[in-house]
Amino acid sequence: MTEIFDPEFFSSIARLTTPILLAALGGSICHRAGIFNIGLEGFILLGAFMAVLGSFFANSAFIGALTAVFGGLFLSIIFAEFHLRRKGDPIVISIAINILALGLSTYLLRSIFKVSGVFSHPEIEKIPHIQLPIIENVKILDLLINDQSILFYLSIVIVFILHYFLKYHKFGLWIRVVGENPEVLKSSGINPVRIKFLVLLLCGLLCGLAGAQLSISNVGLFVENMSAGRGWIAVVAVLLCGGRPIPLFLLIILFGLVDSLSLRIQGLGLPQQITELLPYIVCLAVLIIVSYKKLRTFSRIIY
């Protein structure tokens, strides 16, 4: 047991949680605005590639994160064009974005860096990690959250800002109203399409940062299809929590813990294919439990 639950296990929970959390926060804003965005996988993937691209050529982690954000905003604008302006189905658009991000990142990887599969280089500048001396004497906090990426701490702050923003701020109220009854906003002289466009931009920004966390925070490389289902886990978390930031945060910590556990138990001799399935099995189990409870509640209301 000590081989599994060592300091590296606790430290890895934060690293594995951060990209999913950032993407899910972006997805939660879309969910509250009535936009069914299941393209988070593609947003993360393109953000991860753009982060490596910017970091490599500028030799700057900040530029890498900035180009990752531009990648997310680029896909947000495409989504907005086809969904808000041309009235396309959001599910179809999301699937198209996932395919576009996979194809575009693979093509650019081979065209720019002349490699396939994996690109790694010493000149890829990684996002700095922060030491917090104030918590070094609190062992559990030191193991869990010390020496983590700037984006990890930023994601925690965003959870509470977004919670306050959606619950108490005027623009947060507009987002909730546009998701429930956009005609109310129209009657108040506010353009619902403009609100949804801003929501998509915020989603793209957060998903771009999720991609940067994935590719230039700990590893400093890009792998084809690097998002590897993290966007889909974020989508499931958003749907299970109804787009509420704090329950979303707690659920994603659970997924991060299971993901970290799946990596650690590979050392026990279990087949890699089985251990890699563990986070998705837990994801499905939570989905089934929540769906069952909602179904029972709905049945009581009917009868």
Protein backbone atom coordinates (compact mmCIF):
# COMPACT_ATOMS: atom_id res chain seq x y z
CA MET A 1 0.00 0.00 0.00
CA THR A 2 2.86 2.38 0.78
CA GLU A 3 4.10 1.86 -2.79
CA ILE A 4 0.80 3.28 -4.07
CA PHE A 5 -0.04 6.00 -1.53
CA ASP A 6 3.34 7.70 -1.53
CA PRO A 7 3.95 11.50 -1.81
CA GLU A 8 4.02 11.30 -5.61
CA PHE A 9 0.49 9.84 -5.60
CA PHE A 10 -0.95 12.82 -3.71
CA SER A 11 1.02 15.34 -5.76
CA SER A 12 -0.16 13.81 -9.04
CA ILE A 13 -3.85 14.29 -8.14
CA ALA A 14 -3.55 18.06 -8.64
CA ARG A 15 -1.61 17.66 -11.90
CA LEU A 16 -4.17 15.26 -13.35
CA THR A 17 -7.16 17.26 -12.11
CA THR A 18 -6.19 20.71 -13.42
CA PRO A 19 -6.73 20.31 -17.20
CA ILE A 20 -10.07 18.56 -16.68
CA LEU A 21 -11.17 21.18 -14.16
CA LEU A 22 -10.31 24.13 -16.40
CA ALA A 23 -12.13 22.56 -19.37
CA ALA A 24 -15.13 21.65 -17.22
CA LEU A 25 -15.38 25.21 -15.90
CA GLY A 26 -15.54 26.41 -19.50
CA GLY A 27 -18.16 23.78 -20.25
CA SER A 28 -20.17 24.76 -17.17
CA ILE A 29 -20.57 28.34 -18.43
CA CYS A 30 -21.83 26.99 -21.76
CA HIS A 31 -24.20 24.64 -19.95
CA ARG A 32 -25.70 27.46 -17.88
CA ALA A 33 -26.12 29.53 -21.05
CA GLY A 34 -28.03 26.72 -22.76
CA ILE A 35 -25.21 25.76 -25.16
CA PHE A 36 -24.70 22.00 -25.38
CA ASN A 37 -20.97 22.03 -26.05
CA ILE A 38 -19.42 18.56 -26.17
CA GLY A 39 -16.41 19.79 -28.15
CA LEU A 40 -14.22 20.27 -25.06
CA GLU A 41 -11.96 17.42 -26.18
CA GLY A 42 -11.06 19.31 -29.35
CA PHE A 43 -10.58 22.60 -27.49
CA ILE A 44 -8.10 20.98 -25.09
CA LEU A 45 -6.22 19.21 -27.88
CA LEU A 46 -5.69 22.28 -30.04
CA GLY A 47 -4.79 24.31 -26.95
CA ALA A 48 -2.14 21.71 -26.02
CA PHE A 49 -0.58 21.87 -29.48
CA MET A 50 -0.64 25.67 -29.65
CA ALA A 51 0.98 25.86 -26.20
CA VAL A 52 3.93 23.76 -27.38
CA LEU A 53 4.13 25.77 -30.60
CA GLY A 54 4.26 29.13 -28.81
CA SER A 55 6.56 27.95 -26.04
CA PHE A 56 9.04 26.40 -28.49
CA PHE A 57 9.35 29.32 -30.91
CA ALA A 58 9.20 32.11 -28.31
CA ASN A 59 11.06 30.15 -25.63
CA SER A 60 8.46 31.46 -23.18
CA ALA A 61 5.85 29.59 -21.16
CA PHE A 62 3.72 32.75 -21.02
CA ILE A 63 3.64 32.98 -24.83
CA GLY A 64 2.86 29.26 -24.91
CA ALA A 65 -0.14 29.76 -22.64
CA LEU A 66 -1.20 32.78 -24.70
CA THR A 67 -1.08 30.87 -27.99
CA ALA A 68 -3.03 28.05 -26.31
CA VAL A 69 -5.74 30.58 -25.44
CA PHE A 70 -5.75 31.79 -29.06
CA GLY A 71 -6.25 28.18 -30.16
CA GLY A 72 -9.26 27.85 -27.86
CA LEU A 73 -10.68 31.20 -29.01
CA PHE A 74 -10.26 30.15 -32.64
CA LEU A 75 -12.45 27.08 -32.09
CA SER A 76 -14.92 29.17 -30.06
CA ILE A 77 -15.36 31.55 -32.98
CA ILE A 78 -15.95 28.62 -35.34
CA PHE A 79 -18.53 27.20 -32.92
CA ALA A 80 -20.24 30.58 -32.60
CA GLU A 81 -20.31 31.12 -36.36
CA PHE A 82 -22.03 27.83 -37.11
CA HIS A 83 -24.25 27.63 -34.02
CA LEU A 84 -25.27 31.22 -33.30
CA ARG A 85 -25.20 32.73 -36.76
CA ARG A 86 -26.02 29.79 -39.01
CA LYS A 87 -28.23 28.00 -36.43
CA GLY A 88 -26.39 24.69 -36.70
CA ASP A 89 -26.95 21.83 -34.28
CA PRO A 90 -24.47 22.16 -31.36
CA ILE A 91 -23.88 18.40 -31.13
CA VAL A 92 -22.93 18.15 -34.81
CA ILE A 93 -20.72 21.25 -34.52
CA SER A 94 -19.03 19.86 -31.39
CA ILE A 95 -18.22 16.56 -33.10
CA ALA A 96 -16.89 18.46 -36.11
CA ILE A 97 -14.67 20.56 -33.83
CA ASN A 98 -13.27 17.44 -32.16
CA ILE A 99 -12.42 15.98 -35.57
CA LEU A 100 -11.02 19.31 -36.80
CA ALA A 101 -8.77 19.70 -33.74
CA LEU A 102 -7.41 16.16 -34.10
CA GLY A 103 -6.74 16.52 -37.81
CA LEU A 104 -5.36 20.07 -37.59
CA SER A 105 -3.00 19.34 -34.68
CA THR A 106 -1.69 16.20 -36.40
CA TYR A 107 -1.20 18.02 -39.71
CA LEU A 108 0.55 21.00 -38.11
CA LEU A 109 2.76 18.72 -36.01
CA ARG A 110 4.02 16.97 -39.13
CA SER A 111 4.21 20.13 -41.25
CA ILE A 112 5.97 22.42 -38.75
CA PHE A 113 8.10 20.06 -36.68
CA LYS A 114 8.56 17.31 -39.31
CA VAL A 115 7.74 14.55 -36.82
CA SER A 116 4.79 12.28 -36.17
CA GLY A 117 3.45 10.92 -32.92
CA VAL A 118 5.45 12.90 -30.35
CA PHE A 119 7.31 16.20 -30.37
CA SER A 120 9.66 17.02 -27.50
CA HIS A 121 12.50 19.54 -27.36
CA PRO A 122 14.63 21.14 -24.60
CA GLU A 123 13.65 24.61 -25.84
CA ILE A 124 10.01 24.06 -24.89
CA GLU A 125 9.70 26.30 -21.84
CA LYS A 126 7.46 24.83 -19.15
CA ILE A 127 5.01 26.73 -16.94
CA PRO A 128 6.74 27.46 -13.62
CA HIS A 129 5.66 25.76 -10.41
CA ILE A 130 5.12 27.65 -7.17
CA GLN A 131 6.44 26.75 -3.72
CA LEU A 132 4.22 27.83 -0.81
CA PRO A 133 6.36 27.95 2.36
CA ILE A 134 3.29 28.80 4.43
CA ILE A 135 1.86 25.27 4.04
CA GLU A 136 5.10 23.27 4.25
CA ASN A 137 4.40 22.41 7.90
CA VAL A 138 0.92 21.08 7.10
CA LYS A 139 1.90 17.73 5.63
CA ILE A 140 -1.31 16.81 3.79
CA LEU A 141 -1.59 20.25 2.16
CA ASP A 142 2.11 20.19 1.34
CA LEU A 143 1.67 16.85 -0.45
CA LEU A 144 -1.52 17.84 -2.25
CA ILE A 145 -1.07 21.41 -3.42
CA ASN A 146 2.52 22.56 -2.91
CA ASP A 147 4.93 22.83 -5.85
CA GLN A 148 2.17 22.91 -8.47
CA SER A 149 1.71 24.82 -11.70
CA ILE A 150 0.46 28.40 -11.64
CA LEU A 151 -2.56 27.17 -13.60
CA PHE A 152 -3.51 24.80 -10.79
CA TYR A 153 -3.83 27.67 -8.30
CA LEU A 154 -5.57 29.78 -10.94
CA SER A 155 -8.13 27.03 -11.55
CA ILE A 156 -8.99 26.90 -7.83
CA VAL A 157 -9.50 30.67 -7.77
CA ILE A 158 -11.67 30.48 -10.91
CA VAL A 159 -13.96 27.91 -9.26
CA PHE A 160 -14.96 30.35 -6.52
CA ILE A 161 -15.00 33.40 -8.79
CA LEU A 162 -17.29 31.57 -11.21
CA HIS A 163 -19.54 30.41 -8.36
CA TYR A 164 -19.95 34.00 -7.15
CA PHE A 165 -20.20 35.32 -10.70
CA LEU A 166 -23.03 32.98 -11.74
CA LYS A 167 -24.94 33.37 -8.49
CA TYR A 168 -24.65 37.07 -7.67
CA HIS A 169 -23.26 39.10 -10.59
CA LYS A 170 -25.51 40.77 -13.15
CA PHE A 171 -23.76 39.17 -16.13
CA GLY A 172 -23.95 35.78 -14.40
CA LEU A 173 -27.70 36.29 -14.05
CA TRP A 174 -27.91 37.07 -17.76
CA ILE A 175 -26.07 33.83 -18.53
CA ARG A 176 -28.53 31.80 -16.45
CA VAL A 177 -31.52 33.58 -17.97
CA VAL A 178 -30.29 33.11 -21.54
CA GLY A 179 -30.03 29.39 -20.81
CA GLU A 180 -33.54 29.16 -19.38
CA ASN A 181 -35.60 31.78 -21.21
CA PRO A 182 -33.77 34.00 -23.72
CA GLU A 183 -36.99 35.85 -24.56
CA VAL A 184 -36.83 37.51 -21.13
CA LEU A 185 -33.48 39.06 -22.05
CA LYS A 186 -34.81 40.17 -25.42
CA SER A 187 -37.70 41.96 -23.73
CA SER A 188 -35.14 43.77 -21.53
CA GLY A 189 -33.22 45.01 -24.58
CA ILE A 190 -30.28 42.59 -24.14
CA ASN A 191 -29.11 40.53 -27.10
CA PRO A 192 -29.01 36.81 -26.09
CA VAL A 193 -26.76 35.95 -29.05
CA ARG A 194 -24.13 38.39 -27.83
CA ILE A 195 -24.22 36.83 -24.35
CA LYS A 196 -23.81 33.34 -25.82
CA PHE A 197 -20.91 34.53 -27.97
CA LEU A 198 -19.10 35.90 -24.91
CA VAL A 199 -19.79 32.63 -23.08
CA LEU A 200 -18.21 30.64 -25.92
CA LEU A 201 -15.15 32.90 -25.83
CA LEU A 202 -14.78 32.31 -22.08
CA CYS A 203 -15.10 28.58 -22.67
CA GLY A 204 -12.40 28.70 -25.36
CA LEU A 205 -10.10 30.67 -23.07
CA LEU A 206 -10.42 28.18 -20.20
CA CYS A 207 -10.07 25.15 -22.47
CA GLY A 208 -6.99 26.70 -24.07
CA LEU A 209 -5.44 27.01 -20.60
CA ALA A 210 -6.40 23.39 -19.96
CA GLY A 211 -4.42 22.41 -23.05
CA ALA A 212 -1.44 24.47 -21.88
CA GLN A 213 -1.53 22.73 -18.49
CA LEU A 214 -1.53 19.38 -20.26
CA SER A 215 1.40 19.96 -22.60
CA ILE A 216 3.76 22.54 -21.07
CA SER A 217 3.14 22.34 -17.33
CA ASN A 218 4.82 19.07 -16.37
CA VAL A 219 5.99 17.27 -19.50
CA GLY A 220 6.99 19.88 -22.11
CA LEU A 221 5.90 17.87 -25.13
CA PHE A 222 2.99 17.22 -27.48
CA VAL A 223 1.56 13.81 -28.37
CA GLU A 224 -1.03 13.21 -31.09
CA ASN A 225 -4.50 12.95 -29.51
CA MET A 226 -2.95 14.16 -26.25
CA SER A 227 -6.28 15.08 -24.66
CA ALA A 228 -7.04 11.32 -24.52
CA GLY A 229 -10.66 11.57 -23.35
CA ARG A 230 -10.18 14.32 -20.75
CA GLY A 231 -12.62 16.56 -22.59
CA TRP A 232 -15.28 13.87 -22.47
CA ILE A 233 -14.77 13.41 -18.72
CA ALA A 234 -15.19 17.18 -18.36
CA VAL A 235 -18.45 17.04 -20.35
CA VAL A 236 -19.81 14.25 -18.14
CA ALA A 237 -18.84 16.17 -15.00
CA VAL A 238 -20.63 19.29 -16.27
CA LEU A 239 -23.80 17.34 -17.01
CA LEU A 240 -23.75 15.52 -13.67
CA CYS A 241 -23.32 18.75 -11.69
CA GLY A 242 -25.66 20.88 -13.77
CA GLY A 243 -22.87 23.37 -14.47
CA ARG A 244 -22.46 24.30 -10.78
CA PRO A 245 -18.77 25.13 -10.17
CA ILE A 246 -18.25 23.87 -6.60
CA PRO A 247 -19.90 20.41 -7.02
CA LEU A 248 -18.03 20.23 -10.33
CA PHE A 249 -14.74 20.88 -8.54
CA LEU A 250 -15.40 18.13 -5.97
CA LEU A 251 -16.42 15.60 -8.62
CA ILE A 252 -13.34 16.27 -10.73
CA ILE A 253 -11.10 15.82 -7.68
CA LEU A 254 -12.64 12.33 -7.41
CA PHE A 255 -11.84 11.65 -11.07
CA GLY A 256 -8.30 12.96 -10.56
CA LEU A 257 -7.82 10.70 -7.55
CA VAL A 258 -8.99 7.65 -9.50
CA ASP A 259 -6.82 8.62 -12.48
CA SER A 260 -3.79 8.93 -10.21
CA LEU A 261 -4.62 5.59 -8.60
CA SER A 262 -4.87 3.91 -12.01
CA LEU A 263 -1.34 5.08 -12.85
CA ARG A 264 0.07 3.87 -9.54
CA ILE A 265 -1.44 0.37 -9.65
CA GLN A 266 0.24 -0.29 -12.98
CA GLY A 267 3.30 -1.06 -10.89
CA LEU A 268 1.46 -3.98 -9.28
CA GLY A 269 1.65 -5.97 -12.49
CA LEU A 270 -1.89 -5.37 -13.73
CA PRO A 271 -2.28 -4.98 -17.52
CA GLN A 272 -2.04 -1.35 -18.63
CA GLN A 273 -5.25 -1.68 -20.67
CA ILE A 274 -7.21 -2.49 -17.51
CA THR A 275 -5.72 0.26 -15.33
CA GLU A 276 -6.32 2.89 -18.02
CA LEU A 277 -10.02 1.97 -18.05
CA LEU A 278 -10.44 2.67 -14.32
CA PRO A 279 -11.22 6.45 -14.54
CA TYR A 280 -13.80 5.84 -17.26
CA ILE A 281 -15.41 2.99 -15.31
CA VAL A 282 -15.77 5.29 -12.29
CA CYS A 283 -17.13 8.02 -14.58
CA LEU A 284 -19.79 5.63 -15.92
CA ALA A 285 -20.63 4.38 -12.42
CA VAL A 286 -21.20 7.93 -11.15
CA LEU A 287 -23.29 8.71 -14.23
CA ILE A 288 -25.48 5.62 -13.65
CA ILE A 289 -25.96 6.40 -9.94
CA VAL A 290 -26.91 10.04 -10.55
CA SER A 291 -29.21 9.10 -13.45
CA TYR A 292 -30.92 6.46 -11.30
CA LYS A 293 -31.51 8.95 -8.48
CA LYS A 294 -32.93 11.52 -10.89
CA LEU A 295 -35.20 8.87 -12.43
CA ARG A 296 -36.54 7.87 -9.00
CA THR A 297 -37.18 11.52 -8.11
CA PHE A 298 -39.00 12.02 -11.42
CA SER A 299 -41.10 8.89 -10.80
CA ARG A 300 -42.18 10.17 -7.37
CA ILE A 301 -43.25 13.49 -8.90
CA ILE A 302 -45.40 11.70 -11.51
CA TYR A 303 -47.08 9.31 -9.07
